[in-house]
Amino acid sequence: MNDILESSNVICVILVVCSGLIAYLLSRKSLQQKTYYKKIIDNSANIVVIHDLKCIVTANKTFFHYFTNYKNLDDFRRKHICISDFFEVVDGYLSPPKGQLTWLEALSHSREKKDKVKVKINDEVFYFLISASLLDVKKNIYAMILSDITEQESTKHELVSLSIKDKLTNIGNRKYYDDILQEHITLAQRYPHEFSLVLLDIDFFKKINDSLGHDVGDQVLREYTKFIGYHLREVDIFCRVGGEEFVLILPHTTKDKAYILTQKLRMLIENHKKITPITMSFGVVQYEKGDDAQIIFKRADKALYRAKDSGRNKVIIG
């Protein structure tokens, strides 16, 4: 991870130097010099784009190594004003500026020399370090430089993913649960943010391991977590927090709505009957003012044990 950060810092320095260099080079008046400079810029591994506030003025050859669907700039301009059309809005990456500033103005005023963008071109995702420099104040001409850091970012995302996923089931692990729960508690403390927490546990799972073996037990865990995940909403968070114990964080959901959702899950699980038939018990609670991570978990845990004590294969609201 340190190597990735060091590489990113080196690239940042290169971006800053290149921005200044382009400003200097383009200010020269000699036609011969400009020809040389254009050749140098065309051979750069970075995308270099000269842009006014309306459209791209020119771009180097590297631009077309990525934007392969366009024969030339005229072809690109017919469909797009700026490459920002391809930027993905994702946490941790450059987002559309607020207020009256354009992308270029916001970038050129940015004090952060490590602005990153996620770009989707022809269904392929790239990551770039990006900077912009004002070349001509009167004409509002900017130089934009994008340096490809896709390999570094992909490696970083893979490492992060490995650190927050349960190896057996490929859903969130305990660390991820702890982190995401705290985020929702913080939101609920600051804003009107409802969410519910559900603990769910496979009934008599020890009997499965003892009678059918741990390999079958692992198959059951993989099969039913995949099955449950398929029936959850996109916003729901599903994590494994123990051997056969799982947790759901349901954003924007009251305990009554959570009860309806988990009752549906309970019946689906009972009827699934893959690998070996199982049932699950559920404890449902809603965030209450004053809850911290330990308190809300304990309340859900008590509801879960009430479900088990009253016969299992039930949903109990705490």
C-alpha atoms as a PDB file:
ATOM      1  CA  MET A   1       0.000   0.000   0.000  1.00  0.00           C
ATOM      2  CA  ASN A   2       2.919   2.389   0.795  1.00  0.00           C
ATOM      3  CA  ASP A   3       4.375   1.716  -2.670  1.00  0.00           C
ATOM      4  CA  ILE A   4       1.036   2.702  -4.214  1.00  0.00           C
ATOM      5  CA  LEU A   5       0.936   5.955  -2.227  1.00  0.00           C
ATOM      6  CA  GLU A   6       4.553   6.782  -3.136  1.00  0.00           C
ATOM      7  CA  SER A   7       3.813   6.161  -6.836  1.00  0.00           C
ATOM      8  CA  SER A   8       0.767   8.443  -6.628  1.00  0.00           C
ATOM      9  CA  ASN A   9       2.865  11.201  -5.016  1.00  0.00           C
ATOM     10  CA  VAL A  10       5.463  10.966  -7.803  1.00  0.00           C
ATOM     11  CA  ILE A  11       2.726  11.192 -10.433  1.00  0.00           C
ATOM     12  CA  CYS A  12       1.269  14.242  -8.647  1.00  0.00           C
ATOM     13  CA  VAL A  13       4.607  16.028  -8.888  1.00  0.00           C
ATOM     14  CA  ILE A  14       4.806  15.148 -12.597  1.00  0.00           C
ATOM     15  CA  LEU A  15       1.316  16.571 -13.168  1.00  0.00           C
ATOM     16  CA  VAL A  16       2.193  19.861 -11.518  1.00  0.00           C
ATOM     17  CA  VAL A  17       5.449  20.151 -13.492  1.00  0.00           C
ATOM     18  CA  CYS A  18       3.730  19.233 -16.757  1.00  0.00           C
ATOM     19  CA  SER A  19       1.016  21.850 -16.224  1.00  0.00           C
ATOM     20  CA  GLY A  20       3.625  24.560 -15.840  1.00  0.00           C
ATOM     21  CA  LEU A  21       5.624  23.216 -18.759  1.00  0.00           C
ATOM     22  CA  ILE A  22       2.664  23.315 -21.124  1.00  0.00           C
ATOM     23  CA  ALA A  23       1.899  26.889 -20.113  1.00  0.00           C
ATOM     24  CA  TYR A  24       5.490  27.816 -20.881  1.00  0.00           C
ATOM     25  CA  LEU A  25       5.724  25.879 -24.133  1.00  0.00           C
ATOM     26  CA  LEU A  26       2.514  27.220 -25.609  1.00  0.00           C
ATOM     27  CA  SER A  27       3.536  30.779 -24.861  1.00  0.00           C
ATOM     28  CA  ARG A  28       6.479  30.520 -27.274  1.00  0.00           C
ATOM     29  CA  LYS A  29       6.007  32.257 -30.608  1.00  0.00           C
ATOM     30  CA  SER A  30       8.330  30.274 -32.874  1.00  0.00           C
ATOM     31  CA  LEU A  31       6.377  28.007 -35.228  1.00  0.00           C
ATOM     32  CA  GLN A  32       9.296  25.584 -35.309  1.00  0.00           C
ATOM     33  CA  GLN A  33       9.387  25.485 -31.528  1.00  0.00           C
ATOM     34  CA  LYS A  34       5.646  24.886 -31.336  1.00  0.00           C
ATOM     35  CA  THR A  35       6.051  21.948 -33.741  1.00  0.00           C
ATOM     36  CA  TYR A  36       8.702  20.453 -31.482  1.00  0.00           C
ATOM     37  CA  TYR A  37       6.577  20.998 -28.417  1.00  0.00           C
ATOM     38  CA  LYS A  38       3.565  19.383 -30.046  1.00  0.00           C
ATOM     39  CA  LYS A  39       5.635  16.293 -30.838  1.00  0.00           C
ATOM     40  CA  ILE A  40       6.827  16.137 -27.232  1.00  0.00           C
ATOM     41  CA  ILE A  41       3.290  16.450 -25.883  1.00  0.00           C
ATOM     42  CA  ASP A  42       1.930  13.921 -28.394  1.00  0.00           C
ATOM     43  CA  ASN A  43       4.483  11.400 -27.148  1.00  0.00           C
ATOM     44  CA  SER A  44       3.517  11.932 -23.501  1.00  0.00           C
ATOM     45  CA  ALA A  45       2.036   8.922 -21.692  1.00  0.00           C
ATOM     46  CA  ASN A  46      -0.464  11.335 -20.108  1.00  0.00           C
ATOM     47  CA  ILE A  47      -3.631  12.625 -21.725  1.00  0.00           C
ATOM     48  CA  VAL A  48      -3.107  16.330 -22.446  1.00  0.00           C
ATOM     49  CA  VAL A  49      -6.106  18.426 -23.404  1.00  0.00           C
ATOM     50  CA  ILE A  50      -6.287  22.141 -24.189  1.00  0.00           C
ATOM     51  CA  HIS A  51      -9.745  23.419 -23.387  1.00  0.00           C
ATOM     52  CA  ASP A  52     -11.724  26.634 -23.245  1.00  0.00           C
ATOM     53  CA  LEU A  53     -14.942  27.013 -21.265  1.00  0.00           C
ATOM     54  CA  LYS A  54     -16.990  25.706 -24.189  1.00  0.00           C
ATOM     55  CA  CYS A  55     -15.145  22.751 -25.695  1.00  0.00           C
ATOM     56  CA  ILE A  56     -11.834  20.983 -26.320  1.00  0.00           C
ATOM     57  CA  VAL A  57      -9.501  23.081 -28.447  1.00  0.00           C
ATOM     58  CA  THR A  58      -6.920  20.354 -29.024  1.00  0.00           C
ATOM     59  CA  ALA A  59      -5.679  17.103 -27.514  1.00  0.00           C
ATOM     60  CA  ASN A  60      -2.584  14.947 -27.811  1.00  0.00           C
ATOM     61  CA  LYS A  61      -2.450  11.512 -29.430  1.00  0.00           C
ATOM     62  CA  THR A  62      -2.715   9.744 -26.066  1.00  0.00           C
ATOM     63  CA  PHE A  63      -6.260  11.098 -25.794  1.00  0.00           C
ATOM     64  CA  PHE A  64      -7.303   8.802 -28.646  1.00  0.00           C
ATOM     65  CA  HIS A  65      -5.609   5.766 -27.072  1.00  0.00           C
ATOM     66  CA  TYR A  66      -8.474   5.908 -24.563  1.00  0.00           C
ATOM     67  CA  PHE A  67     -11.301   7.518 -26.554  1.00  0.00           C
ATOM     68  CA  THR A  68     -11.019   4.975 -29.351  1.00  0.00           C
ATOM     69  CA  ASN A  69     -14.578   5.428 -30.647  1.00  0.00           C
ATOM     70  CA  TYR A  70     -13.734   8.856 -32.081  1.00  0.00           C
ATOM     71  CA  LYS A  71     -11.803   9.411 -35.296  1.00  0.00           C
ATOM     72  CA  ASN A  72     -10.792  12.966 -34.427  1.00  0.00           C
ATOM     73  CA  LEU A  73     -11.702  15.915 -32.203  1.00  0.00           C
ATOM     74  CA  ASP A  74     -14.492  17.073 -34.497  1.00  0.00           C
ATOM     75  CA  ASP A  75     -16.081  13.660 -34.111  1.00  0.00           C
ATOM     76  CA  PHE A  76     -15.716  13.898 -30.324  1.00  0.00           C
ATOM     77  CA  ARG A  77     -17.091  17.470 -30.185  1.00  0.00           C
ATOM     78  CA  ARG A  78     -20.240  16.464 -32.053  1.00  0.00           C
ATOM     79  CA  LYS A  79     -21.230  14.299 -29.100  1.00  0.00           C
ATOM     80  CA  HIS A  80     -19.432  15.757 -26.079  1.00  0.00           C
ATOM     81  CA  ILE A  81     -18.457  19.169 -24.774  1.00  0.00           C
ATOM     82  CA  CYS A  82     -15.906  17.933 -22.256  1.00  0.00           C
ATOM     83  CA  ILE A  83     -14.364  14.668 -21.093  1.00  0.00           C
ATOM     84  CA  SER A  84     -16.121  15.321 -17.789  1.00  0.00           C
ATOM     85  CA  ASP A  85     -19.112  13.674 -19.501  1.00  0.00           C
ATOM     86  CA  PHE A  86     -17.290  10.408 -18.794  1.00  0.00           C
ATOM     87  CA  PHE A  87     -16.546  11.094 -15.107  1.00  0.00           C
ATOM     88  CA  GLU A  88     -18.242   8.756 -12.615  1.00  0.00           C
ATOM     89  CA  VAL A  89     -19.576  10.341  -9.404  1.00  0.00           C
ATOM     90  CA  VAL A  90     -18.079   8.164  -6.662  1.00  0.00           C
ATOM     91  CA  ASP A  91     -17.013   8.863  -3.081  1.00  0.00           C
ATOM     92  CA  GLY A  92     -13.303   9.597  -2.874  1.00  0.00           C
ATOM     93  CA  TYR A  93     -13.103  10.941  -6.423  1.00  0.00           C
ATOM     94  CA  LEU A  94     -13.650  14.340  -7.960  1.00  0.00           C
ATOM     95  CA  SER A  95     -17.327  15.271  -8.051  1.00  0.00           C
ATOM     96  CA  PRO A  96     -19.136  17.977 -10.035  1.00  0.00           C
ATOM     97  CA  PRO A  97     -18.333  21.389  -8.516  1.00  0.00           C
ATOM     98  CA  LYS A  98     -20.999  23.271  -6.605  1.00  0.00           C
ATOM     99  CA  GLY A  99     -21.981  26.797  -7.588  1.00  0.00           C
ATOM    100  CA  GLN A 100     -21.052  28.534 -10.812  1.00  0.00           C
ATOM    101  CA  LEU A 101     -17.577  27.076 -11.353  1.00  0.00           C
ATOM    102  CA  THR A 102     -16.992  24.708 -14.277  1.00  0.00           C
ATOM    103  CA  TRP A 103     -14.915  21.544 -13.969  1.00  0.00           C
ATOM    104  CA  LEU A 104     -11.910  23.368 -15.367  1.00  0.00           C
ATOM    105  CA  GLU A 105     -12.243  26.387 -13.089  1.00  0.00           C
ATOM    106  CA  ALA A 106     -12.716  24.184 -10.038  1.00  0.00           C
ATOM    107  CA  LEU A 107      -9.669  22.106 -10.936  1.00  0.00           C
ATOM    108  CA  SER A 108      -7.445  25.100 -11.603  1.00  0.00           C
ATOM    109  CA  HIS A 109      -8.436  26.656  -8.255  1.00  0.00           C
ATOM    110  CA  SER A 110      -7.993  23.404  -6.358  1.00  0.00           C
ATOM    111  CA  ARG A 111      -5.314  23.404  -3.691  1.00  0.00           C
ATOM    112  CA  GLU A 112      -5.381  19.615  -3.723  1.00  0.00           C
ATOM    113  CA  LYS A 113      -2.720  18.300  -6.092  1.00  0.00           C
ATOM    114  CA  LYS A 114      -4.026  14.747  -5.874  1.00  0.00           C
ATOM    115  CA  ASP A 115      -7.456  15.133  -7.470  1.00  0.00           C
ATOM    116  CA  LYS A 116      -8.550  11.772  -8.848  1.00  0.00           C
ATOM    117  CA  VAL A 117     -11.323  10.895 -11.261  1.00  0.00           C
ATOM    118  CA  LYS A 118     -13.024   7.653 -12.150  1.00  0.00           C
ATOM    119  CA  VAL A 119     -13.744   7.540 -15.873  1.00  0.00           C
ATOM    120  CA  LYS A 120     -15.892   5.070 -17.785  1.00  0.00           C
ATOM    121  CA  ILE A 121     -15.129   4.761 -21.497  1.00  0.00           C
ATOM    122  CA  ASN A 122     -16.784   2.098 -23.654  1.00  0.00           C
ATOM    123  CA  ASP A 123     -17.829   0.198 -20.501  1.00  0.00           C
ATOM    124  CA  GLU A 124     -14.200   0.093 -19.325  1.00  0.00           C
ATOM    125  CA  VAL A 125     -13.236   1.854 -16.088  1.00  0.00           C
ATOM    126  CA  PHE A 126     -10.081   3.949 -15.744  1.00  0.00           C
ATOM    127  CA  TYR A 127      -8.693   6.018 -12.884  1.00  0.00           C
ATOM    128  CA  PHE A 128      -6.689   9.193 -13.452  1.00  0.00           C
ATOM    129  CA  LEU A 129      -4.875  11.811 -11.454  1.00  0.00           C
ATOM    130  CA  ILE A 130      -6.059  15.082 -12.938  1.00  0.00           C
ATOM    131  CA  SER A 131      -4.958  18.708 -12.872  1.00  0.00           C
ATOM    132  CA  ALA A 132      -5.773  21.872 -14.813  1.00  0.00           C
ATOM    133  CA  SER A 133      -3.847  25.106 -15.344  1.00  0.00           C
ATOM    134  CA  LEU A 134      -5.066  28.406 -16.739  1.00  0.00           C
ATOM    135  CA  LEU A 135      -2.980  29.257 -19.809  1.00  0.00           C
ATOM    136  CA  ASP A 136      -4.741  32.361 -21.144  1.00  0.00           C
ATOM    137  CA  VAL A 137      -6.759  34.564 -18.773  1.00  0.00           C
ATOM    138  CA  LYS A 138      -8.484  36.581 -21.500  1.00  0.00           C
ATOM    139  CA  LYS A 139      -9.530  33.612 -23.616  1.00  0.00           C
ATOM    140  CA  ASN A 140     -10.101  31.254 -20.666  1.00  0.00           C
ATOM    141  CA  ILE A 141      -7.806  28.628 -22.128  1.00  0.00           C
ATOM    142  CA  TYR A 142      -6.878  25.739 -19.817  1.00  0.00           C
ATOM    143  CA  ALA A 143      -4.506  22.793 -20.006  1.00  0.00           C
ATOM    144  CA  MET A 144      -5.870  19.605 -18.468  1.00  0.00           C
ATOM    145  CA  ILE A 145      -3.587  16.650 -17.764  1.00  0.00           C
ATOM    146  CA  LEU A 146      -4.766  13.155 -16.859  1.00  0.00           C
ATOM    147  CA  SER A 147      -2.283  10.540 -15.696  1.00  0.00           C
ATOM    148  CA  ASP A 148      -3.433   6.911 -15.703  1.00  0.00           C
ATOM    149  CA  ILE A 149      -3.357   5.350 -12.210  1.00  0.00           C
ATOM    150  CA  THR A 150      -5.772   2.515 -13.005  1.00  0.00           C
ATOM    151  CA  GLU A 151      -3.387  -0.235 -11.944  1.00  0.00           C
ATOM    152  CA  GLN A 152      -2.597   1.404  -8.583  1.00  0.00           C
ATOM    153  CA  GLU A 153      -6.247   2.192  -7.827  1.00  0.00           C
ATOM    154  CA  SER A 154      -7.436  -1.281  -8.831  1.00  0.00           C
ATOM    155  CA  THR A 155      -4.841  -2.861  -6.539  1.00  0.00           C
ATOM    156  CA  LYS A 156      -5.881  -0.562  -3.700  1.00  0.00           C
ATOM    157  CA  HIS A 157      -9.583  -1.385  -4.188  1.00  0.00           C
ATOM    158  CA  GLU A 158      -8.763  -5.091  -4.239  1.00  0.00           C
ATOM    159  CA  LEU A 159      -6.817  -4.821  -0.970  1.00  0.00           C
ATOM    160  CA  VAL A 160      -9.653  -2.870   0.655  1.00  0.00           C
ATOM    161  CA  SER A 161     -12.195  -5.397  -0.591  1.00  0.00           C
ATOM    162  CA  LEU A 162     -10.188  -8.282   0.865  1.00  0.00           C
ATOM    163  CA  SER A 163     -10.007  -6.530   4.231  1.00  0.00           C
ATOM    164  CA  ILE A 164     -13.791  -6.075   4.563  1.00  0.00           C
ATOM    165  CA  LYS A 165     -15.150  -9.302   3.037  1.00  0.00           C
ATOM    166  CA  ASP A 166     -15.772 -12.626   4.713  1.00  0.00           C
ATOM    167  CA  LYS A 167     -13.599 -15.182   2.919  1.00  0.00           C
ATOM    168  CA  LEU A 168     -16.132 -18.009   2.990  1.00  0.00           C
ATOM    169  CA  THR A 169     -19.343 -16.205   2.018  1.00  0.00           C
ATOM    170  CA  ASN A 170     -17.963 -13.131   0.214  1.00  0.00           C
ATOM    171  CA  ILE A 171     -20.297 -10.791   2.121  1.00  0.00           C
ATOM    172  CA  GLY A 172     -19.196  -8.139   4.626  1.00  0.00           C
ATOM    173  CA  ASN A 173     -17.114  -9.285   7.597  1.00  0.00           C
ATOM    174  CA  ARG A 174     -17.181  -8.149  11.220  1.00  0.00           C
ATOM    175  CA  LYS A 175     -14.825  -5.240  10.531  1.00  0.00           C
ATOM    176  CA  TYR A 176     -17.027  -3.963   7.740  1.00  0.00           C
ATOM    177  CA  TYR A 177     -20.107  -4.322   9.927  1.00  0.00           C
ATOM    178  CA  ASP A 178     -18.455  -2.355  12.754  1.00  0.00           C
ATOM    179  CA  ASP A 179     -17.431   0.450  10.382  1.00  0.00           C
ATOM    180  CA  ILE A 180     -20.713   0.748   8.478  1.00  0.00           C
ATOM    181  CA  LEU A 181     -22.846   0.532  11.629  1.00  0.00           C
ATOM    182  CA  GLN A 182     -20.909   3.403  13.164  1.00  0.00           C
ATOM    183  CA  GLU A 183     -21.481   5.462  10.009  1.00  0.00           C
ATOM    184  CA  HIS A 184     -25.245   4.945  10.278  1.00  0.00           C
ATOM    185  CA  ILE A 185     -25.264   5.738  13.998  1.00  0.00           C
ATOM    186  CA  THR A 186     -23.371   8.971  13.312  1.00  0.00           C
ATOM    187  CA  LEU A 187     -25.858   9.894  10.579  1.00  0.00           C
ATOM    188  CA  ALA A 188     -28.790   9.143  12.894  1.00  0.00           C
ATOM    189  CA  GLN A 189     -27.268  11.322  15.623  1.00  0.00           C
ATOM    190  CA  ARG A 190     -26.888  14.290  13.283  1.00  0.00           C
ATOM    191  CA  TYR A 191     -29.862  14.005  10.947  1.00  0.00           C
ATOM    192  CA  PRO A 192     -33.326  12.413  10.732  1.00  0.00           C
ATOM    193  CA  HIS A 193     -31.945   9.044   9.628  1.00  0.00           C
ATOM    194  CA  GLU A 194     -33.959   5.925  10.390  1.00  0.00           C
ATOM    195  CA  PHE A 195     -32.423   2.497  10.156  1.00  0.00           C
ATOM    196  CA  SER A 196     -33.022  -0.965  11.550  1.00  0.00           C
ATOM    197  CA  LEU A 197     -30.643  -3.693  12.639  1.00  0.00           C
ATOM    198  CA  VAL A 198     -31.470  -7.378  12.210  1.00  0.00           C
ATOM    199  CA  LEU A 199     -29.564 -10.307  13.703  1.00  0.00           C
ATOM    200  CA  LEU A 200     -30.234 -13.635  12.001  1.00  0.00           C
ATOM    201  CA  ASP A 201     -28.968 -17.049  12.959  1.00  0.00           C
ATOM    202  CA  ILE A 202     -29.237 -20.512  11.352  1.00  0.00           C
ATOM    203  CA  ASP A 203     -31.281 -22.784  13.595  1.00  0.00           C
ATOM    204  CA  PHE A 204     -29.515 -25.955  14.808  1.00  0.00           C
ATOM    205  CA  PHE A 205     -26.462 -25.291  12.648  1.00  0.00           C
ATOM    206  CA  LYS A 206     -24.266 -27.395  14.960  1.00  0.00           C
ATOM    207  CA  LYS A 207     -26.374 -30.449  14.064  1.00  0.00           C
ATOM    208  CA  ILE A 208     -25.609 -29.866  10.363  1.00  0.00           C
ATOM    209  CA  ASN A 209     -21.869 -29.771  11.048  1.00  0.00           C
ATOM    210  CA  ASP A 210     -22.008 -32.787  13.362  1.00  0.00           C
ATOM    211  CA  SER A 211     -24.204 -34.983  11.151  1.00  0.00           C
ATOM    212  CA  LEU A 212     -23.208 -33.915   7.630  1.00  0.00           C
ATOM    213  CA  GLY A 213     -19.712 -32.542   8.207  1.00  0.00           C
ATOM    214  CA  HIS A 214     -18.130 -29.086   8.157  1.00  0.00           C
ATOM    215  CA  ASP A 215     -17.732 -29.108   4.366  1.00  0.00           C
ATOM    216  CA  VAL A 216     -21.513 -29.347   3.990  1.00  0.00           C
ATOM    217  CA  GLY A 217     -21.880 -26.696   6.697  1.00  0.00           C
ATOM    218  CA  ASP A 218     -19.679 -24.380   4.628  1.00  0.00           C
ATOM    219  CA  GLN A 219     -21.762 -25.119   1.517  1.00  0.00           C
ATOM    220  CA  VAL A 220     -24.902 -24.195   3.444  1.00  0.00           C
ATOM    221  CA  LEU A 221     -23.373 -20.905   4.547  1.00  0.00           C
ATOM    222  CA  ARG A 222     -22.312 -20.025   1.000  1.00  0.00           C
ATOM    223  CA  GLU A 223     -25.605 -21.079  -0.609  1.00  0.00           C
ATOM    224  CA  TYR A 224     -27.933 -19.328   1.804  1.00  0.00           C
ATOM    225  CA  THR A 225     -25.931 -16.089   2.064  1.00  0.00           C
ATOM    226  CA  LYS A 226     -26.012 -15.875  -1.721  1.00  0.00           C
ATOM    227  CA  PHE A 227     -29.747 -16.616  -1.690  1.00  0.00           C
ATOM    228  CA  ILE A 228     -30.468 -13.996   0.984  1.00  0.00           C
ATOM    229  CA  GLY A 229     -28.305 -11.403  -0.778  1.00  0.00           C
ATOM    230  CA  TYR A 230     -30.288 -11.902  -3.970  1.00  0.00           C
ATOM    231  CA  HIS A 231     -33.512 -10.941  -2.160  1.00  0.00           C
ATOM    232  CA  LEU A 232     -32.179  -7.830  -0.417  1.00  0.00           C
ATOM    233  CA  ARG A 233     -32.503  -4.263  -1.611  1.00  0.00           C
ATOM    234  CA  GLU A 234     -29.493  -2.535  -3.139  1.00  0.00           C
ATOM    235  CA  VAL A 235     -29.095  -0.265  -0.087  1.00  0.00           C
ATOM    236  CA  ASP A 236     -29.138  -3.082   2.481  1.00  0.00           C
ATOM    237  CA  ILE A 237     -25.904  -4.209   4.141  1.00  0.00           C
ATOM    238  CA  PHE A 238     -25.390  -7.921   4.821  1.00  0.00           C
ATOM    239  CA  CYS A 239     -22.513  -9.167   6.992  1.00  0.00           C
ATOM    240  CA  ARG A 240     -21.337 -12.327   8.700  1.00  0.00           C
ATOM    241  CA  VAL A 241     -20.433 -11.600  12.329  1.00  0.00           C
ATOM    242  CA  GLY A 242     -20.037 -15.147  13.697  1.00  0.00           C
ATOM    243  CA  GLY A 243     -19.993 -18.791  12.641  1.00  0.00           C
ATOM    244  CA  GLU A 244     -23.659 -19.010  11.615  1.00  0.00           C
ATOM    245  CA  GLU A 245     -24.684 -15.546  12.802  1.00  0.00           C
ATOM    246  CA  PHE A 246     -25.373 -12.703  10.387  1.00  0.00           C
ATOM    247  CA  VAL A 247     -26.495  -9.107  10.562  1.00  0.00           C
ATOM    248  CA  LEU A 248     -28.522  -6.858   8.293  1.00  0.00           C
ATOM    249  CA  ILE A 249     -28.361  -3.075   8.400  1.00  0.00           C
ATOM    250  CA  LEU A 250     -31.466  -1.695   6.709  1.00  0.00           C
ATOM    251  CA  PRO A 251     -31.167   2.048   5.944  1.00  0.00           C
ATOM    252  CA  HIS A 252     -34.288   4.242   5.842  1.00  0.00           C
ATOM    253  CA  THR A 253     -36.304   1.410   7.372  1.00  0.00           C
ATOM    254  CA  THR A 254     -38.470   1.380  10.498  1.00  0.00           C
ATOM    255  CA  LYS A 255     -38.657  -1.777  12.619  1.00  0.00           C
ATOM    256  CA  ASP A 256     -42.182  -2.452  11.310  1.00  0.00           C
ATOM    257  CA  LYS A 257     -40.983  -2.397   7.701  1.00  0.00           C
ATOM    258  CA  ALA A 258     -37.932  -4.427   8.717  1.00  0.00           C
ATOM    259  CA  TYR A 259     -40.268  -7.002  10.265  1.00  0.00           C
ATOM    260  CA  ILE A 260     -42.156  -7.370   6.969  1.00  0.00           C
ATOM    261  CA  LEU A 261     -38.912  -7.747   5.019  1.00  0.00           C
ATOM    262  CA  THR A 262     -37.444 -10.329   7.408  1.00  0.00           C
ATOM    263  CA  GLN A 263     -40.683 -12.329   7.546  1.00  0.00           C
ATOM    264  CA  LYS A 264     -40.477 -12.605   3.769  1.00  0.00           C
ATOM    265  CA  LEU A 265     -36.837 -13.713   4.040  1.00  0.00           C
ATOM    266  CA  ARG A 266     -37.685 -16.246   6.745  1.00  0.00           C
ATOM    267  CA  MET A 267     -40.312 -17.926   4.544  1.00  0.00           C
ATOM    268  CA  LEU A 268     -38.080 -17.849   1.456  1.00  0.00           C
ATOM    269  CA  ILE A 269     -35.252 -19.490   3.397  1.00  0.00           C
ATOM    270  CA  GLU A 270     -37.538 -22.180   4.808  1.00  0.00           C
ATOM    271  CA  ASN A 271     -38.753 -23.052   1.302  1.00  0.00           C
ATOM    272  CA  HIS A 272     -35.364 -22.878  -0.437  1.00  0.00           C
ATOM    273  CA  LYS A 273     -34.220 -26.376   0.666  1.00  0.00           C
ATOM    274  CA  LYS A 274     -30.872 -26.384  -1.176  1.00  0.00           C
ATOM    275  CA  ILE A 275     -27.907 -28.462   0.148  1.00  0.00           C
ATOM    276  CA  THR A 276     -30.053 -29.277   3.183  1.00  0.00           C
ATOM    277  CA  PRO A 277     -33.252 -27.628   4.483  1.00  0.00           C
ATOM    278  CA  ILE A 278     -32.693 -24.962   7.130  1.00  0.00           C
ATOM    279  CA  THR A 279     -34.641 -22.336   9.028  1.00  0.00           C
ATOM    280  CA  MET A 280     -33.419 -19.080  10.548  1.00  0.00           C
ATOM    281  CA  SER A 281     -34.403 -16.940  13.528  1.00  0.00           C
ATOM    282  CA  PHE A 282     -34.425 -13.141  13.443  1.00  0.00           C
ATOM    283  CA  GLY A 283     -34.137 -10.328  15.990  1.00  0.00           C
ATOM    284  CA  VAL A 284     -35.218  -6.899  14.714  1.00  0.00           C
ATOM    285  CA  VAL A 285     -34.568  -3.499  16.328  1.00  0.00           C
ATOM    286  CA  GLN A 286     -34.683   0.098  15.182  1.00  0.00           C
ATOM    287  CA  TYR A 287     -32.084   2.708  16.085  1.00  0.00           C
ATOM    288  CA  GLU A 288     -33.171   4.728  19.119  1.00  0.00           C
ATOM    289  CA  LYS A 289     -31.727   7.968  20.422  1.00  0.00           C
ATOM    290  CA  GLY A 290     -28.828   7.204  22.749  1.00  0.00           C
ATOM    291  CA  ASP A 291     -27.923   3.906  21.072  1.00  0.00           C
ATOM    292  CA  ASP A 292     -24.291   3.168  20.433  1.00  0.00           C
ATOM    293  CA  ALA A 293     -22.963   0.162  18.509  1.00  0.00           C
ATOM    294  CA  GLN A 294     -22.909  -2.050  21.606  1.00  0.00           C
ATOM    295  CA  ILE A 295     -26.366  -1.091  22.872  1.00  0.00           C
ATOM    296  CA  ILE A 296     -28.194  -1.589  19.575  1.00  0.00           C
ATOM    297  CA  PHE A 297     -26.448  -4.933  19.007  1.00  0.00           C
ATOM    298  CA  LYS A 298     -27.418  -6.146  22.486  1.00  0.00           C
ATOM    299  CA  ARG A 299     -31.053  -5.197  21.891  1.00  0.00           C
ATOM    300  CA  ALA A 300     -31.063  -7.115  18.589  1.00  0.00           C
ATOM    301  CA  ASP A 301     -29.323 -10.052  20.267  1.00  0.00           C
ATOM    302  CA  LYS A 302     -32.011 -10.218  22.988  1.00  0.00           C
ATOM    303  CA  ALA A 303     -34.738 -10.205  20.321  1.00  0.00           C
ATOM    304  CA  LEU A 304     -32.935 -13.003  18.471  1.00  0.00           C
ATOM    305  CA  TYR A 305     -32.752 -15.169  21.588  1.00  0.00           C
ATOM    306  CA  ARG A 306     -36.438 -14.584  22.252  1.00  0.00           C
ATOM    307  CA  ALA A 307     -37.087 -15.909  18.735  1.00  0.00           C
ATOM    308  CA  LYS A 308     -35.008 -18.995  19.515  1.00  0.00           C
ATOM    309  CA  ASP A 309     -36.525 -19.536  22.967  1.00  0.00           C
ATOM    310  CA  SER A 310     -40.046 -19.345  21.541  1.00  0.00           C
ATOM    311  CA  GLY A 311     -39.487 -22.147  19.053  1.00  0.00           C
ATOM    312  CA  ARG A 312     -37.070 -20.793  16.387  1.00  0.00           C
ATOM    313  CA  ASN A 313     -37.883 -19.991  12.752  1.00  0.00           C
ATOM    314  CA  LYS A 314     -39.439 -16.734  13.939  1.00  0.00           C
ATOM    315  CA  VAL A 315     -39.019 -12.965  13.682  1.00  0.00           C
ATOM    316  CA  ILE A 316     -39.133 -11.009  16.943  1.00  0.00           C
ATOM    317  CA  ILE A 317     -39.071  -7.209  17.244  1.00  0.00           C
ATOM    318  CA  GLY A 318     -37.062  -5.848  20.165  1.00  0.00           C
END
